[in-house]
Protein backbone atom coordinates (compact mmCIF):
# COMPACT_ATOMS: atom_id res chain seq x y z
CA MET A 1 11.15 -0.14 10.54
CA ASN A 2 11.06 3.62 10.22
CA ARG A 3 8.69 5.65 8.06
CA GLU A 4 11.28 6.26 5.33
CA ARG A 5 11.88 2.51 4.93
CA ALA A 6 8.13 1.88 4.93
CA LEU A 7 7.65 4.46 2.17
CA GLU A 8 10.50 2.91 0.19
CA LEU A 9 8.82 -0.51 0.31
CA ILE A 10 5.46 0.99 -0.61
CA TYR A 11 6.96 2.82 -3.59
CA GLU A 12 8.72 -0.35 -4.77
CA SER A 13 5.40 -2.19 -4.60
CA LEU A 14 3.66 0.68 -6.36
CA ASP A 15 6.21 0.43 -9.17
CA VAL A 16 5.27 -3.24 -9.63
CA VAL A 17 1.59 -2.36 -9.97
CA ASN A 18 2.25 0.70 -12.13
CA GLN A 19 4.04 -1.50 -14.68
CA GLN A 20 0.73 -3.31 -15.21
CA LEU A 21 -1.29 -0.11 -15.72
CA PRO A 22 -1.62 2.22 -18.69
CA ALA A 23 0.43 5.40 -18.29
CA ALA A 24 -2.64 7.54 -17.59
CA ALA A 25 -3.76 5.27 -14.73
CA ARG A 26 -0.44 4.98 -12.88
CA LEU A 27 -0.30 6.10 -9.27
CA ALA A 28 2.02 8.85 -8.06
CA ARG A 29 4.79 8.25 -5.54
CA ASP A 30 3.24 10.65 -3.06
CA PRO A 31 2.04 10.12 0.52
CA ALA A 32 -1.33 11.68 -0.40
CA THR A 33 -2.01 9.14 -3.18
CA VAL A 34 -5.15 7.13 -2.42
CA ILE A 35 -4.73 3.35 -2.60
CA VAL A 36 -8.14 2.22 -1.29
CA GLY A 37 -11.32 4.26 -1.00
CA ALA A 38 -12.87 7.35 -2.51
CA GLY A 39 -10.51 8.91 -5.01
CA GLY A 40 -8.51 5.74 -5.57
CA SER A 41 -7.90 4.62 -9.12
CA LEU A 42 -6.99 0.98 -8.55
CA ASP A 43 -9.60 -1.64 -9.24
CA SER A 44 -9.94 -4.63 -6.93
CA LEU A 45 -7.33 -6.65 -8.82
CA GLY A 46 -4.90 -3.72 -8.69
CA ILE A 47 -5.41 -3.40 -4.95
CA VAL A 48 -4.81 -7.12 -4.45
CA ASN A 49 -1.65 -7.04 -6.59
CA PHE A 50 -0.35 -4.02 -4.69
CA VAL A 51 -1.07 -5.51 -1.28
CA LEU A 52 0.51 -8.86 -2.18
CA ALA A 53 3.65 -7.15 -3.48
CA LEU A 54 3.91 -4.99 -0.37
CA GLU A 55 3.24 -7.86 2.04
CA GLU A 56 6.03 -9.83 0.38
CA LYS A 57 8.52 -6.95 0.45
CA ALA A 58 7.62 -5.92 4.01
CA GLY A 59 7.65 -9.52 5.21
CA ASP A 60 11.14 -9.98 3.77
CA ALA A 61 12.31 -6.77 5.44
CA LEU A 62 10.83 -7.77 8.81
CA GLY A 63 11.75 -11.43 8.64
CA ARG A 64 8.16 -12.57 9.20
CA SER A 65 4.89 -12.66 7.33
CA ILE A 66 2.46 -9.79 7.79
CA GLN A 67 -1.12 -9.00 6.85
CA LEU A 68 -1.71 -5.41 5.77
CA LEU A 69 -5.37 -5.08 4.92
CA LYS A 70 -7.71 -4.27 7.75
CA PRO A 71 -11.39 -5.20 7.33
CA GLU A 72 -12.50 -1.63 7.97
CA TRP A 73 -10.57 -0.47 4.91
CA ILE A 74 -13.08 -2.26 2.72
CA ILE A 75 -16.03 -0.29 4.14
CA ALA A 76 -16.90 2.56 1.77
CA ASP A 77 -17.68 5.03 4.58
CA GLU A 78 -14.18 4.90 6.04
CA ALA A 79 -11.50 7.45 5.17
CA PRO A 80 -9.43 6.47 2.15
CA VAL A 81 -6.17 4.59 2.63
CA THR A 82 -3.32 6.71 1.34
CA ILE A 83 0.32 5.88 0.87
CA GLY A 84 1.01 7.96 3.99
CA SER A 85 -1.54 6.19 6.17
CA LEU A 86 -0.30 2.84 4.90
CA ALA A 87 3.29 3.80 5.81
CA THR A 88 2.12 4.63 9.33
CA HIS A 89 0.29 1.30 9.55
CA LEU A 90 3.37 -0.55 8.30
CA THR A 91 5.64 1.06 10.89
CA THR A 92 3.11 0.06 13.59
CA LEU A 93 3.16 -3.55 12.37
CA ALA A 94 6.94 -3.55 12.47
CA VAL A 95 7.00 -2.98 16.23
CA SER A 96 4.18 -5.37 17.11
């Protein structure tokens, strides 16, 4: 899977989550948008919904199940997870 396809799947998943959020809280379709960490606007349920949607879409695209969240992403001191960093992670999972 290339980066463009990864971003497409992420944006599709983001659209699912954005439908559940008030207009003012919706996330932008931008690689710099923070999903997890400082500056992120999703609560824990929003993060879970986003990750589940993306795991399903990415799993369908790859023909196998995948797990996206890394334990270190939950640690507050780590750099935030952005759409761009998640796309990079997804392309890495696609080749492993």
